[in-house]
Amino acid sequence: MKRVDALKKAGVNASEIDRTSGPIGLFKTKNSSAITVSVLAEIVDAYESSPAQ
C-alpha cells in the first residue's frame, strides 16, 4: 500500500490513516466518467453518513 506507507513516512499517525479512503487508486481504467461517478458516490455517501450539524 503505497499511500499508507507514504502517510506513515510523512508522520501521519495510525488513527488518522485509518480514517482515510482512497478508492481512486483501485481503478484500472482510464475512463474519466467512471472515475468521476465513483468519486461523487463516495462524497455523497460520506455526506449522508455524517451526523447532522
Protein backbone atom coordinates (compact mmCIF):
# COMPACT_ATOMS: atom_id res chain seq x y z
CA MET A 1 0.00 0.00 0.00
CA LYS A 2 2.00 2.92 -1.27
CA ARG A 3 -0.44 5.50 0.09
CA VAL A 4 -0.32 4.18 3.65
CA ASP A 5 3.47 3.88 3.56
CA ALA A 6 3.80 7.45 2.30
CA LEU A 7 1.48 8.76 5.00
CA LYS A 8 3.41 6.90 7.72
CA LYS A 9 6.68 8.24 6.36
CA ALA A 10 5.21 11.76 6.47
CA GLY A 11 4.43 11.31 10.17
CA VAL A 12 0.67 10.77 9.99
CA ASN A 13 -0.48 8.65 12.94
CA ALA A 14 -2.32 5.35 12.54
CA SER A 15 -5.71 6.62 13.73
CA GLU A 16 -5.68 9.34 11.08
CA ILE A 17 -4.62 6.89 8.39
CA ASP A 18 -7.50 4.57 9.37
CA ARG A 19 -9.95 7.41 8.66
CA THR A 20 -8.77 7.86 5.07
CA SER A 21 -10.27 6.36 1.96
CA GLY A 22 -8.62 6.03 -1.41
CA PRO A 23 -10.97 4.42 -3.90
CA ILE A 24 -9.43 6.22 -6.87
CA GLY A 25 -6.30 4.10 -6.55
CA LEU A 26 -8.34 0.95 -7.10
CA PHE A 27 -9.34 1.80 -10.65
CA LYS A 28 -7.73 0.03 -13.57
CA THR A 29 -9.47 2.22 -16.11
CA LYS A 30 -8.72 5.47 -17.85
CA ASN A 31 -12.43 6.15 -18.29
CA SER A 32 -12.77 9.52 -16.57
CA SER A 33 -16.56 9.27 -16.43
CA ALA A 34 -16.47 6.06 -14.39
CA ILE A 35 -13.91 7.52 -12.00
CA THR A 36 -15.93 10.73 -11.61
CA VAL A 37 -19.13 8.86 -10.79
CA SER A 38 -17.35 6.70 -8.23
CA VAL A 39 -15.71 9.67 -6.51
CA LEU A 40 -19.02 11.55 -6.38
CA ALA A 41 -20.74 8.47 -4.93
CA GLU A 42 -18.10 8.35 -2.18
CA ILE A 43 -18.65 12.04 -1.41
CA VAL A 44 -22.44 11.66 -1.27
CA ASP A 45 -22.11 8.59 0.95
CA ALA A 46 -19.80 10.41 3.38
CA TYR A 47 -22.11 13.43 3.44
CA GLU A 48 -25.23 11.37 4.07
CA SER A 49 -23.50 9.21 6.70
CA SER A 50 -22.24 12.16 8.74
CA PRO A 51 -24.22 13.33 11.77
CA ALA A 52 -26.48 16.34 11.22
CA GLN A 53 -24.74 19.60 12.02
